[in-house]
N, C-alpha and C. Protein backbone atom coordinates (compact mmCIF):
# COMPACT_ATOMS: atom_id res chain seq x y z
N UNK A 1 -85.69 47.12 80.19
CA UNK A 1 -84.58 47.91 79.76
C UNK A 1 -84.89 48.42 78.35
N UNK A 2 -84.75 49.68 78.18
CA UNK A 2 -85.06 50.31 76.89
C UNK A 2 -83.77 50.67 76.19
N UNK A 3 -83.73 50.41 74.88
CA UNK A 3 -82.57 50.74 74.07
C UNK A 3 -82.85 52.00 73.29
N UNK A 4 -81.81 52.75 73.08
CA UNK A 4 -81.96 53.94 72.26
C UNK A 4 -81.86 53.53 70.79
N UNK A 5 -82.25 54.43 69.93
CA UNK A 5 -82.22 54.15 68.49
C UNK A 5 -80.78 53.88 68.05
N UNK A 6 -79.83 54.61 68.58
CA UNK A 6 -78.42 54.42 68.23
C UNK A 6 -77.95 53.02 68.60
N UNK A 7 -78.33 52.52 69.78
CA UNK A 7 -77.94 51.18 70.22
C UNK A 7 -78.58 50.11 69.33
N UNK A 8 -79.82 50.31 68.95
CA UNK A 8 -80.51 49.34 68.09
C UNK A 8 -79.83 49.28 66.72
N UNK A 9 -79.46 50.45 66.18
CA UNK A 9 -78.79 50.48 64.87
C UNK A 9 -77.44 49.77 64.94
N UNK A 10 -76.65 50.06 65.98
CA UNK A 10 -75.35 49.42 66.12
C UNK A 10 -75.48 47.91 66.30
N UNK A 11 -76.44 47.48 67.08
CA UNK A 11 -76.64 46.03 67.25
C UNK A 11 -77.06 45.38 65.94
N UNK A 12 -77.88 46.06 65.18
CA UNK A 12 -78.29 45.54 63.87
C UNK A 12 -77.12 45.42 62.92
N UNK A 13 -76.26 46.47 62.88
CA UNK A 13 -75.09 46.45 62.01
C UNK A 13 -74.15 45.31 62.40
N UNK A 14 -73.92 45.15 63.68
CA UNK A 14 -73.04 44.07 64.16
C UNK A 14 -73.65 42.71 63.84
N UNK A 15 -74.95 42.57 64.00
CA UNK A 15 -75.62 41.31 63.67
C UNK A 15 -75.50 40.98 62.19
N UNK A 16 -75.70 41.99 61.32
CA UNK A 16 -75.58 41.78 59.88
C UNK A 16 -74.14 41.41 59.51
N UNK A 17 -73.16 42.06 60.13
CA UNK A 17 -71.76 41.71 59.88
C UNK A 17 -71.46 40.28 60.29
N UNK A 18 -72.01 39.84 61.40
CA UNK A 18 -71.80 38.45 61.84
C UNK A 18 -72.41 37.48 60.84
N UNK A 19 -73.59 37.80 60.33
CA UNK A 19 -74.24 36.92 59.35
C UNK A 19 -73.41 36.85 58.07
N UNK A 20 -72.93 38.00 57.57
CA UNK A 20 -72.10 38.00 56.36
C UNK A 20 -70.78 37.27 56.60
N UNK A 21 -70.17 37.46 57.75
CA UNK A 21 -68.92 36.77 58.06
C UNK A 21 -69.13 35.26 58.05
N UNK A 22 -70.17 34.80 58.71
CA UNK A 22 -70.44 33.36 58.74
C UNK A 22 -70.75 32.83 57.34
N UNK A 23 -71.48 33.62 56.55
CA UNK A 23 -71.79 33.19 55.18
C UNK A 23 -70.54 33.06 54.33
N UNK A 24 -69.65 34.04 54.42
CA UNK A 24 -68.41 33.95 53.65
C UNK A 24 -67.51 32.85 54.18
N UNK A 25 -67.51 32.64 55.48
CA UNK A 25 -66.67 31.60 56.07
C UNK A 25 -67.15 30.22 55.63
N UNK A 26 -68.45 30.02 55.58
CA UNK A 26 -68.98 28.70 55.24
C UNK A 26 -69.03 28.49 53.73
N UNK A 27 -69.55 29.47 53.00
CA UNK A 27 -69.80 29.27 51.57
C UNK A 27 -68.79 29.97 50.67
N UNK A 28 -67.86 30.68 51.20
CA UNK A 28 -66.87 31.39 50.40
C UNK A 28 -65.85 30.45 49.78
N UNK A 29 -64.99 31.00 48.95
CA UNK A 29 -64.00 30.17 48.24
C UNK A 29 -62.96 29.57 49.19
N UNK A 30 -62.79 30.13 50.36
CA UNK A 30 -61.83 29.60 51.32
C UNK A 30 -62.53 28.88 52.47
N UNK A 31 -63.79 28.58 52.31
CA UNK A 31 -64.56 27.95 53.38
C UNK A 31 -64.68 26.45 53.21
N UNK A 32 -65.91 25.97 53.28
CA UNK A 32 -66.16 24.53 53.21
C UNK A 32 -65.75 23.89 51.88
N UNK A 33 -65.92 24.58 50.73
CA UNK A 33 -65.44 23.93 49.49
C UNK A 33 -63.94 23.63 49.52
N UNK A 34 -63.17 24.54 50.04
CA UNK A 34 -61.73 24.29 50.14
C UNK A 34 -61.44 23.15 51.11
N UNK A 35 -62.16 23.10 52.19
CA UNK A 35 -61.98 22.03 53.17
C UNK A 35 -62.31 20.68 52.55
N UNK A 36 -63.37 20.60 51.77
CA UNK A 36 -63.73 19.34 51.10
C UNK A 36 -62.66 18.94 50.09
N UNK A 37 -62.13 19.90 49.34
CA UNK A 37 -61.08 19.60 48.36
C UNK A 37 -59.82 19.10 49.06
N UNK A 38 -59.47 19.72 50.17
CA UNK A 38 -58.28 19.29 50.92
C UNK A 38 -58.46 17.89 51.49
N UNK A 39 -59.65 17.58 51.95
CA UNK A 39 -59.91 16.22 52.46
C UNK A 39 -59.82 15.19 51.34
N UNK A 40 -60.32 15.53 50.15
CA UNK A 40 -60.21 14.60 49.01
C UNK A 40 -58.75 14.39 48.64
N UNK A 41 -57.97 15.47 48.62
CA UNK A 41 -56.53 15.34 48.34
C UNK A 41 -55.85 14.47 49.38
N UNK A 42 -56.22 14.66 50.64
CA UNK A 42 -55.63 13.88 51.72
C UNK A 42 -55.94 12.39 51.54
N UNK A 43 -57.17 12.07 51.17
CA UNK A 43 -57.55 10.68 50.94
C UNK A 43 -56.73 10.08 49.79
N UNK A 44 -56.54 10.86 48.72
CA UNK A 44 -55.75 10.38 47.59
C UNK A 44 -54.29 10.16 48.00
N UNK A 45 -53.76 11.06 48.80
CA UNK A 45 -52.38 10.90 49.25
C UNK A 45 -52.22 9.67 50.14
N UNK A 46 -53.20 9.41 50.99
CA UNK A 46 -53.14 8.23 51.85
C UNK A 46 -53.16 6.96 51.00
N UNK A 47 -53.99 6.94 49.95
CA UNK A 47 -54.03 5.78 49.05
C UNK A 47 -52.68 5.59 48.35
N UNK A 48 -52.08 6.70 47.90
CA UNK A 48 -50.76 6.62 47.25
C UNK A 48 -49.71 6.09 48.22
N UNK A 49 -49.77 6.53 49.45
CA UNK A 49 -48.81 6.06 50.46
C UNK A 49 -48.96 4.57 50.69
N UNK A 50 -50.20 4.08 50.73
CA UNK A 50 -50.41 2.65 50.95
C UNK A 50 -49.87 1.84 49.77
N UNK A 51 -50.05 2.33 48.54
CA UNK A 51 -49.50 1.64 47.37
C UNK A 51 -47.98 1.59 47.45
N UNK A 52 -47.37 2.73 47.79
CA UNK A 52 -45.91 2.77 47.89
C UNK A 52 -45.39 1.88 49.01
N UNK A 53 -46.11 1.80 50.12
CA UNK A 53 -45.69 0.90 51.20
C UNK A 53 -45.74 -0.55 50.75
N UNK A 54 -46.73 -0.90 49.91
CA UNK A 54 -46.79 -2.25 49.36
C UNK A 54 -45.61 -2.54 48.45
N UNK A 55 -45.25 -1.56 47.63
CA UNK A 55 -44.09 -1.73 46.76
C UNK A 55 -42.80 -1.86 47.57
N UNK A 56 -42.68 -1.08 48.62
CA UNK A 56 -41.50 -1.17 49.49
C UNK A 56 -41.42 -2.56 50.13
N UNK A 57 -42.57 -3.08 50.57
CA UNK A 57 -42.57 -4.42 51.18
C UNK A 57 -42.15 -5.48 50.17
N UNK A 58 -42.60 -5.36 48.91
CA UNK A 58 -42.22 -6.33 47.88
C UNK A 58 -40.72 -6.26 47.60
N UNK A 59 -40.19 -5.06 47.52
CA UNK A 59 -38.75 -4.90 47.27
C UNK A 59 -37.94 -5.41 48.45
N UNK A 60 -38.41 -5.16 49.66
CA UNK A 60 -37.72 -5.66 50.85
C UNK A 60 -37.72 -7.19 50.87
N UNK A 61 -38.84 -7.78 50.41
CA UNK A 61 -38.90 -9.25 50.35
C UNK A 61 -37.87 -9.78 49.35
N UNK A 62 -37.73 -9.11 48.21
CA UNK A 62 -36.72 -9.53 47.23
C UNK A 62 -35.32 -9.41 47.80
N UNK A 63 -35.05 -8.36 48.52
CA UNK A 63 -33.73 -8.18 49.13
C UNK A 63 -33.46 -9.29 50.15
N UNK A 64 -34.47 -9.61 50.96
CA UNK A 64 -34.30 -10.69 51.94
C UNK A 64 -34.05 -12.02 51.25
N UNK A 65 -34.78 -12.30 50.16
CA UNK A 65 -34.56 -13.55 49.43
C UNK A 65 -33.15 -13.56 48.82
N UNK A 66 -32.70 -12.42 48.34
CA UNK A 66 -31.37 -12.34 47.74
C UNK A 66 -30.30 -12.72 48.77
N UNK A 67 -30.46 -12.23 50.00
CA UNK A 67 -29.47 -12.52 51.04
C UNK A 67 -29.64 -13.92 51.63
N UNK A 68 -30.81 -14.50 51.55
CA UNK A 68 -31.08 -15.77 52.21
C UNK A 68 -30.85 -16.97 51.30
N UNK A 69 -31.31 -16.89 50.04
CA UNK A 69 -31.30 -18.06 49.16
C UNK A 69 -30.30 -17.86 48.02
N UNK A 70 -29.25 -18.68 47.97
CA UNK A 70 -28.31 -18.58 46.85
C UNK A 70 -28.95 -18.96 45.52
N UNK A 71 -29.96 -19.83 45.55
CA UNK A 71 -30.65 -20.21 44.32
C UNK A 71 -31.34 -19.01 43.69
N UNK A 72 -31.86 -18.11 44.50
CA UNK A 72 -32.51 -16.91 43.99
C UNK A 72 -31.50 -16.02 43.27
N UNK A 73 -30.30 -15.93 43.82
CA UNK A 73 -29.26 -15.14 43.16
C UNK A 73 -28.95 -15.71 41.77
N UNK A 74 -28.86 -17.03 41.68
CA UNK A 74 -28.57 -17.65 40.39
C UNK A 74 -29.74 -17.45 39.43
N UNK A 75 -30.95 -17.55 39.93
CA UNK A 75 -32.13 -17.36 39.10
C UNK A 75 -32.15 -15.95 38.50
N UNK A 76 -31.88 -14.95 39.32
CA UNK A 76 -31.86 -13.56 38.83
C UNK A 76 -30.74 -13.38 37.83
N UNK A 77 -29.57 -13.95 38.10
CA UNK A 77 -28.43 -13.81 37.20
C UNK A 77 -28.74 -14.44 35.84
N UNK A 78 -29.38 -15.59 35.84
CA UNK A 78 -29.66 -16.28 34.58
C UNK A 78 -30.82 -15.63 33.81
N UNK A 79 -31.91 -15.31 34.49
CA UNK A 79 -33.10 -14.83 33.79
C UNK A 79 -33.06 -13.34 33.48
N UNK A 80 -32.67 -12.53 34.42
CA UNK A 80 -32.75 -11.10 34.22
C UNK A 80 -31.46 -10.50 33.67
N UNK A 81 -30.32 -11.04 34.07
CA UNK A 81 -29.04 -10.49 33.63
C UNK A 81 -28.43 -11.27 32.47
N UNK A 82 -29.04 -12.38 32.08
CA UNK A 82 -28.59 -13.20 30.97
C UNK A 82 -27.15 -13.67 31.15
N UNK A 83 -26.80 -14.07 32.36
CA UNK A 83 -25.47 -14.58 32.65
C UNK A 83 -25.50 -16.11 32.67
N UNK A 84 -24.33 -16.70 32.45
CA UNK A 84 -24.22 -18.17 32.50
C UNK A 84 -23.02 -18.53 33.35
N UNK A 85 -23.02 -19.76 33.86
CA UNK A 85 -21.87 -20.30 34.57
C UNK A 85 -20.86 -20.81 33.56
N UNK A 86 -19.62 -20.88 33.99
CA UNK A 86 -18.62 -21.45 33.09
C UNK A 86 -18.92 -22.95 32.93
N UNK A 87 -18.85 -23.42 31.70
CA UNK A 87 -19.14 -24.82 31.42
C UNK A 87 -20.58 -25.05 30.97
N UNK A 88 -21.42 -24.04 31.04
CA UNK A 88 -22.79 -24.18 30.54
C UNK A 88 -22.81 -24.06 29.03
N UNK A 89 -23.73 -24.78 28.43
CA UNK A 89 -23.90 -24.69 26.98
C UNK A 89 -25.11 -23.85 26.70
N UNK A 90 -24.95 -22.88 25.79
CA UNK A 90 -26.04 -21.95 25.47
C UNK A 90 -26.64 -22.38 24.16
N UNK A 91 -27.98 -22.48 24.12
CA UNK A 91 -28.73 -22.83 22.90
C UNK A 91 -29.59 -21.64 22.52
N UNK A 92 -29.55 -21.26 21.25
CA UNK A 92 -30.39 -20.20 20.72
C UNK A 92 -31.52 -20.84 19.95
N UNK A 93 -32.73 -20.49 20.28
CA UNK A 93 -33.90 -21.04 19.61
C UNK A 93 -34.55 -19.91 18.82
N UNK A 94 -34.77 -20.19 17.52
CA UNK A 94 -35.42 -19.17 16.67
C UNK A 94 -36.88 -19.43 16.56
């Protein structure tokens, strides 16, 4: 099968356009560099989510202890809120 000069030129132009398109798609500013940056951001977000889930679990544990143990309620009231029971004697140490 023989191609005419016009067909060869058109095929060459289309081939060059495909090469440029692939080059811009892979190496352009919206190509693989952007994909790598988005993956790095995604990894950082996943790490942040895991840290926050750990904090949520710790706070949930405190809430459960608050509802379960009356001694914990008294401990928080005395240490963090600086409250005392009636009849307690308070000593100030300098």
